[in-house]
Amino acid sequence: MSSLTVFTPVYNREDMLPKLYQSLLDQTDKDFEWLAVDDGSTDNSFNVLKGFESEGKLNMRIIRRENGGKMRAHNTGVMNTNTGLFVCLDSDDCFTKDAVSDILKRWDKVSRDDRIAGIVANKGESEDKPLYGCSLPETETDTLSGLYRKGFKGETTLVYRTEVLKEHLFPEIPGEKYVPEDVVYDEIDREYKLSVMNKVLTVCVLTENGLTDRAAELREKNPNGWYIYYVSKVRLTGFSLLKLKYLSHYLRFYPVASPEIRKKYSIPLFLSIPGIPGAVLLTLMGKR
């Protein structure tokens, strides 16, 4: 059995898949399974994946499901993973040629520490240049949120113990298709740390209409997911101006979150009071 699952959620990315596939063929260590979950693509993505599978050059599995958004596809991938390690490689990204080798070598050194949930490494514009020119801090271990508090502003490649991810699945909310990824990562941060690898493992293609570009639309269509996100951020963040910001957004989303979600995820009233002025200001500005 392979040591690592490389998971790729796919939705209408037929043009980008060949480059990703080639990066997996080029790996210096083939001790991995590629698990592609087609999230109800309406283009030729599924047939492109089947074509790769028929070549027999990689240990590969394809799961096809109805469209439910990346978070449901991620949960599907996690629950169908049989390896000890899991890494998400998006359909518009590519691995560096030594990525799998680097992951497995680092994991061999740190896996016996039960306090470590996985590995965090850089995403890059190229193999030698981290995104936005920002490298991870020079430290052996930290939480993901801790790295950002230390001033890291880039993007990461995240490798997790599969058993940890199976205990921390994304909420699946009827009528919504998106939950910010930090909802899960913040939960994990409360229990574990990550081994920090200051090296680019994933080369990222920055595309128009990505998640960052669609932030306003995502907030509008997924109010419960964003409500949960701000609850998570308030719980994790120490008292600071940043916590007040999260409290303000939490209060803005509270009226539009469903009663069921509010019952399951909430902040005590006395803790939310400092966020009221910011929530009023956001209301006056027409923002969430």
Protein backbone atom coordinates (compact mmCIF):
# COMPACT_ATOMS: atom_id res chain seq x y z
CA MET A 1 0.00 0.00 0.00
CA SER A 2 1.18 3.54 -0.73
CA SER A 3 2.30 5.88 2.06
CA LEU A 4 0.66 9.07 0.77
CA THR A 5 -2.60 10.01 -0.93
CA VAL A 6 -2.43 12.97 -3.29
CA PHE A 7 -6.02 14.21 -3.43
CA THR A 8 -7.29 16.43 -6.23
CA PRO A 9 -10.81 17.91 -6.26
CA VAL A 10 -11.86 18.54 -9.86
CA TYR A 11 -14.61 20.75 -11.23
CA ASN A 12 -14.47 21.80 -14.89
CA ARG A 13 -10.67 21.89 -15.18
CA GLU A 14 -10.06 19.74 -18.26
CA ASP A 15 -7.49 22.18 -19.66
CA MET A 16 -5.39 22.24 -16.48
CA LEU A 17 -5.36 18.54 -15.63
CA PRO A 18 -2.63 17.44 -18.11
CA LYS A 19 -0.02 19.72 -16.51
CA LEU A 20 -0.89 18.46 -13.02
CA TYR A 21 -0.78 14.85 -14.26
CA GLN A 22 2.64 15.38 -15.80
CA SER A 23 3.97 16.74 -12.51
CA LEU A 24 2.86 13.51 -10.83
CA LEU A 25 4.45 11.39 -13.56
CA ASP A 26 7.69 13.31 -12.98
CA GLN A 27 7.88 12.53 -9.26
CA THR A 28 11.19 11.03 -8.17
CA ASP A 29 9.30 8.93 -5.59
CA LYS A 30 6.16 7.12 -6.78
CA ASP A 31 5.09 5.92 -3.32
CA PHE A 32 1.69 7.61 -3.53
CA GLU A 33 -1.84 7.14 -4.77
CA TRP A 34 -3.55 9.86 -6.79
CA LEU A 35 -7.17 10.14 -5.71
CA ALA A 36 -9.19 12.45 -7.97
CA VAL A 37 -12.73 13.37 -6.95
CA ASP A 38 -14.74 14.78 -9.85
CA ASP A 39 -17.29 17.09 -8.27
CA GLY A 40 -19.94 16.83 -10.96
CA SER A 41 -17.94 18.45 -13.78
CA THR A 42 -19.97 19.47 -16.80
CA ASP A 43 -16.99 19.67 -19.17
CA ASN A 44 -14.70 16.81 -20.25
CA SER A 45 -12.75 16.61 -16.97
CA PHE A 46 -14.00 13.15 -16.02
CA ASN A 47 -13.06 11.66 -19.39
CA VAL A 48 -9.63 13.30 -19.19
CA LEU A 49 -9.11 11.63 -15.80
CA LYS A 50 -10.30 8.28 -17.14
CA GLY A 51 -7.79 8.63 -19.96
CA PHE A 52 -4.96 9.11 -17.46
CA GLU A 53 -6.16 6.09 -15.49
CA SER A 54 -6.23 3.91 -18.62
CA GLU A 55 -2.56 4.65 -19.28
CA GLY A 56 -1.68 2.74 -16.10
CA LYS A 57 1.33 4.92 -15.33
CA LEU A 58 0.19 5.94 -11.85
CA ASN A 59 -1.51 4.29 -8.91
CA MET A 60 -4.76 6.18 -9.41
CA ARG A 61 -8.40 6.17 -8.34
CA ILE A 62 -11.28 8.34 -9.55
CA ILE A 63 -14.48 9.02 -7.64
CA ARG A 64 -17.34 10.81 -9.35
CA ARG A 65 -20.00 12.55 -7.28
CA GLU A 66 -22.74 15.11 -7.80
CA ASN A 67 -21.65 18.69 -7.49
CA GLY A 68 -21.52 19.75 -3.87
CA GLY A 69 -18.54 22.09 -3.63
CA LYS A 70 -14.92 21.61 -2.71
CA MET A 71 -15.59 20.93 0.97
CA ARG A 72 -17.84 17.95 0.24
CA ALA A 73 -15.34 16.70 -2.33
CA HIS A 74 -12.61 17.02 0.32
CA ASN A 75 -14.67 15.02 2.84
CA THR A 76 -15.26 12.36 0.16
CA GLY A 77 -11.54 12.19 -0.51
CA VAL A 78 -10.59 11.93 3.16
CA MET A 79 -13.14 9.22 3.92
CA ASN A 80 -11.97 7.16 0.93
CA THR A 81 -8.27 7.43 1.76
CA ASN A 82 -6.44 4.30 2.88
CA THR A 83 -2.96 5.75 3.39
CA GLY A 84 -1.51 7.31 6.53
CA LEU A 85 -0.89 10.71 4.93
CA PHE A 86 -3.11 13.01 2.86
CA VAL A 87 -2.21 16.09 0.82
CA CYS A 88 -4.54 18.19 -1.34
CA LEU A 89 -3.13 19.16 -4.73
CA ASP A 90 -5.63 21.44 -6.44
CA SER A 91 -6.34 20.99 -10.13
CA ASP A 92 -4.63 24.28 -11.02
CA ASP A 93 -1.44 23.43 -9.09
CA CYS A 94 1.58 21.21 -9.76
CA PHE A 95 4.07 19.41 -7.55
CA THR A 96 7.79 20.05 -7.75
CA LYS A 97 9.53 16.87 -8.92
CA ASP A 98 10.80 15.98 -5.42
CA ALA A 99 7.60 16.89 -3.57
CA VAL A 100 6.56 13.34 -2.65
CA SER A 101 10.13 12.42 -1.75
CA ASP A 102 10.50 15.52 0.43
CA ILE A 103 7.21 14.81 2.20
CA LEU A 104 8.03 11.18 2.97
CA LYS A 105 11.58 11.95 4.12
CA ARG A 106 10.38 14.63 6.51
CA TRP A 107 7.55 12.45 7.76
CA ASP A 108 9.98 9.63 8.51
CA LYS A 109 11.78 12.01 10.88
CA VAL A 110 8.75 13.40 12.74
CA SER A 111 5.98 10.80 12.52
CA ARG A 112 6.71 9.26 15.91
CA ASP A 113 5.73 12.50 17.65
CA ASP A 114 1.98 12.15 18.25
CA ARG A 115 1.70 15.90 18.84
CA ILE A 116 2.49 16.57 15.17
CA ALA A 117 -0.51 16.36 12.83
CA GLY A 118 1.46 16.77 9.62
CA ILE A 119 3.73 19.00 7.55
CA VAL A 120 3.41 22.56 6.31
CA ALA A 121 5.48 23.80 3.35
CA ASN A 122 5.41 26.70 0.92
CA LYS A 123 3.42 27.17 -2.25
CA GLY A 124 5.38 29.01 -4.91
CA GLU A 125 5.24 30.93 -8.16
CA SER A 126 8.11 28.62 -9.12
CA GLU A 127 10.19 25.94 -7.44
CA ASP A 128 12.56 28.62 -6.11
CA LYS A 129 10.17 31.50 -5.36
CA PRO A 130 7.43 31.30 -2.68
CA LEU A 131 4.15 33.01 -3.49
CA TYR A 132 4.25 36.76 -2.82
CA GLY A 133 7.95 36.37 -1.97
CA CYS A 134 7.03 35.22 1.53
CA SER A 135 8.73 32.15 3.04
CA LEU A 136 7.63 30.32 6.16
CA PRO A 137 9.30 31.39 9.41
CA GLU A 138 12.43 29.46 10.39
CA THR A 139 11.04 27.20 13.09
CA GLU A 140 10.81 23.44 13.56
CA THR A 141 7.14 23.20 14.56
CA ASP A 142 4.18 25.52 14.90
CA THR A 143 0.45 25.68 14.33
CA LEU A 144 -0.79 27.03 11.02
CA SER A 145 -2.46 29.96 12.75
CA GLY A 146 0.72 30.55 14.74
CA LEU A 147 2.76 30.93 11.55
CA TYR A 148 0.40 33.62 10.28
CA ARG A 149 0.53 35.41 13.64
CA LYS A 150 4.31 35.50 13.25
CA GLY A 151 3.89 37.49 10.04
CA PHE A 152 3.71 34.81 7.34
CA LYS A 153 1.59 36.09 4.44
CA GLY A 154 2.07 33.41 1.78
CA GLU A 155 0.19 30.23 0.94
CA THR A 156 0.92 26.71 2.11
CA THR A 157 1.06 23.08 1.09
CA LEU A 158 -0.54 21.09 3.91
CA VAL A 159 0.05 17.39 4.56
CA TYR A 160 -1.94 15.78 7.37
CA ARG A 161 -2.26 12.46 9.09
CA THR A 162 -5.36 10.97 7.49
CA GLU A 163 -6.70 9.87 10.87
CA VAL A 164 -6.63 13.49 12.07
CA LEU A 165 -8.59 14.70 9.04
CA LYS A 166 -11.17 11.94 9.48
CA GLU A 167 -11.81 13.36 12.95
CA HIS A 168 -12.12 16.90 11.59
CA LEU A 169 -14.35 16.88 8.51
CA PHE A 170 -15.81 20.02 6.97
CA PRO A 171 -19.38 20.88 7.97
CA GLU A 172 -21.79 20.00 5.16
CA ILE A 173 -24.53 22.62 5.16
CA PRO A 174 -27.73 22.08 3.13
CA GLY A 175 -28.00 24.65 0.36
CA GLU A 176 -24.39 25.82 0.67
CA LYS A 177 -21.24 24.64 -1.11
CA TYR A 178 -18.43 26.48 0.64
CA VAL A 179 -16.89 26.64 4.09
CA PRO A 180 -13.56 28.45 4.57
CA GLU A 181 -10.76 25.92 4.99
CA ASP A 182 -9.59 27.49 8.26
CA VAL A 183 -12.67 26.06 9.99
CA VAL A 184 -10.98 22.63 9.93
CA TYR A 185 -7.39 23.84 10.27
CA ASP A 186 -8.22 25.95 13.33
CA GLU A 187 -9.77 22.90 15.00
CA ILE A 188 -6.61 20.91 14.35
CA ASP A 189 -4.46 23.78 15.63
CA ARG A 190 -6.12 23.49 19.02
CA GLU A 191 -4.80 19.95 19.39
CA TYR A 192 -1.64 19.61 17.29
CA LYS A 193 1.32 21.33 15.68
CA LEU A 194 2.84 20.95 12.22
CA SER A 195 6.40 20.19 11.14
CA VAL A 196 7.55 23.28 9.22
CA MET A 197 9.37 22.68 5.92
CA ASN A 198 10.60 25.95 4.46
CA LYS A 199 10.61 24.70 0.89
CA VAL A 200 8.31 25.06 -2.11
CA LEU A 201 6.47 21.79 -2.77
CA THR A 202 3.60 23.13 -4.87
CA VAL A 203 3.76 25.54 -7.78
CA CYS A 204 0.52 27.49 -7.86
CA VAL A 205 -1.17 28.94 -10.92
CA LEU A 206 -2.98 32.13 -9.90
CA THR A 207 -6.18 32.21 -11.95
CA GLU A 208 -8.88 34.83 -12.34
CA ASN A 209 -12.13 34.12 -10.52
CA GLY A 210 -10.34 32.14 -7.82
CA LEU A 211 -11.65 31.93 -4.28
CA THR A 212 -9.97 35.19 -3.28
CA ASP A 213 -11.48 37.05 -6.21
CA ARG A 214 -14.93 35.63 -5.44
CA ALA A 215 -14.91 36.39 -1.70
CA ALA A 216 -17.97 38.69 -1.76
CA GLU A 217 -19.97 36.17 -3.79
CA LEU A 218 -18.96 33.33 -1.50
CA ARG A 219 -20.07 35.27 1.58
CA GLU A 220 -23.42 36.04 -0.01
CA LYS A 221 -24.14 32.44 -1.05
CA ASN A 222 -22.69 30.67 2.01
CA PRO A 223 -23.67 32.68 5.11
CA ASN A 224 -23.71 29.67 7.45
CA GLY A 225 -20.23 28.61 6.35
CA TRP A 226 -18.85 32.07 6.98
CA TYR A 227 -20.68 32.33 10.30
CA ILE A 228 -18.95 29.11 11.41
CA TYR A 229 -15.63 30.52 10.18
CA TYR A 230 -15.92 33.63 12.35
CA VAL A 231 -16.99 31.59 15.38
CA SER A 232 -13.83 29.51 14.88
CA LYS A 233 -11.63 32.58 14.54
CA VAL A 234 -13.07 34.23 17.66
CA ARG A 235 -12.46 31.07 19.69
CA LEU A 236 -8.86 30.70 18.52
CA THR A 237 -7.70 34.33 18.66
CA GLY A 238 -6.48 35.99 21.85
CA PHE A 239 -7.87 39.38 22.85
CA SER A 240 -6.65 41.87 20.29
CA LEU A 241 -7.86 44.18 17.54
CA LEU A 242 -8.01 41.12 15.28
CA LYS A 243 -10.36 39.37 17.71
CA LEU A 244 -12.59 42.47 17.73
CA LYS A 245 -12.66 42.32 13.92
CA TYR A 246 -13.73 38.67 14.01
CA LEU A 247 -16.38 39.44 16.65
CA SER A 248 -17.79 42.22 14.48
CA HIS A 249 -18.12 39.92 11.48
CA TYR A 250 -19.57 37.17 13.68
CA LEU A 251 -22.32 39.53 14.82
CA ARG A 252 -23.01 40.59 11.22
CA PHE A 253 -23.51 36.98 10.13
CA TYR A 254 -25.47 35.94 13.23
CA PRO A 255 -28.89 37.14 11.95
CA VAL A 256 -28.55 35.30 8.63
CA ALA A 257 -27.23 32.01 10.04
CA SER A 258 -29.81 29.25 10.49
CA PRO A 259 -31.12 28.50 14.00
CA GLU A 260 -29.61 25.00 13.79
CA ILE A 261 -26.16 26.38 12.99
CA ARG A 262 -26.41 29.07 15.69
CA LYS A 263 -27.33 26.42 18.24
CA LYS A 264 -24.32 24.28 17.32
CA TYR A 265 -21.81 27.12 16.93
CA SER A 266 -22.02 30.21 19.12
CA ILE A 267 -20.11 32.70 21.25
CA PRO A 268 -21.32 33.60 24.77
CA LEU A 269 -23.18 36.92 24.74
CA PHE A 270 -20.86 38.64 27.21
CA LEU A 271 -17.85 37.82 25.00
CA SER A 272 -19.51 39.18 21.86
CA ILE A 273 -20.42 42.60 23.30
CA PRO A 274 -17.03 44.22 22.39
CA GLY A 275 -17.77 43.46 18.73
CA ILE A 276 -21.00 45.51 18.62
CA PRO A 277 -19.44 48.86 17.53
CA GLY A 278 -17.59 47.15 14.68
CA ALA A 279 -20.74 45.29 13.62
CA VAL A 280 -22.67 48.55 13.51
CA LEU A 281 -19.94 50.13 11.39
CA LEU A 282 -19.98 47.17 8.99
CA THR A 283 -23.75 47.49 8.73
CA LEU A 284 -23.52 51.18 7.89
CA MET A 285 -20.89 50.38 5.26
CA GLY A 286 -23.04 47.60 3.81
CA LYS A 287 -20.36 44.97 4.44
CA ARG A 288 -20.16 41.61 6.19
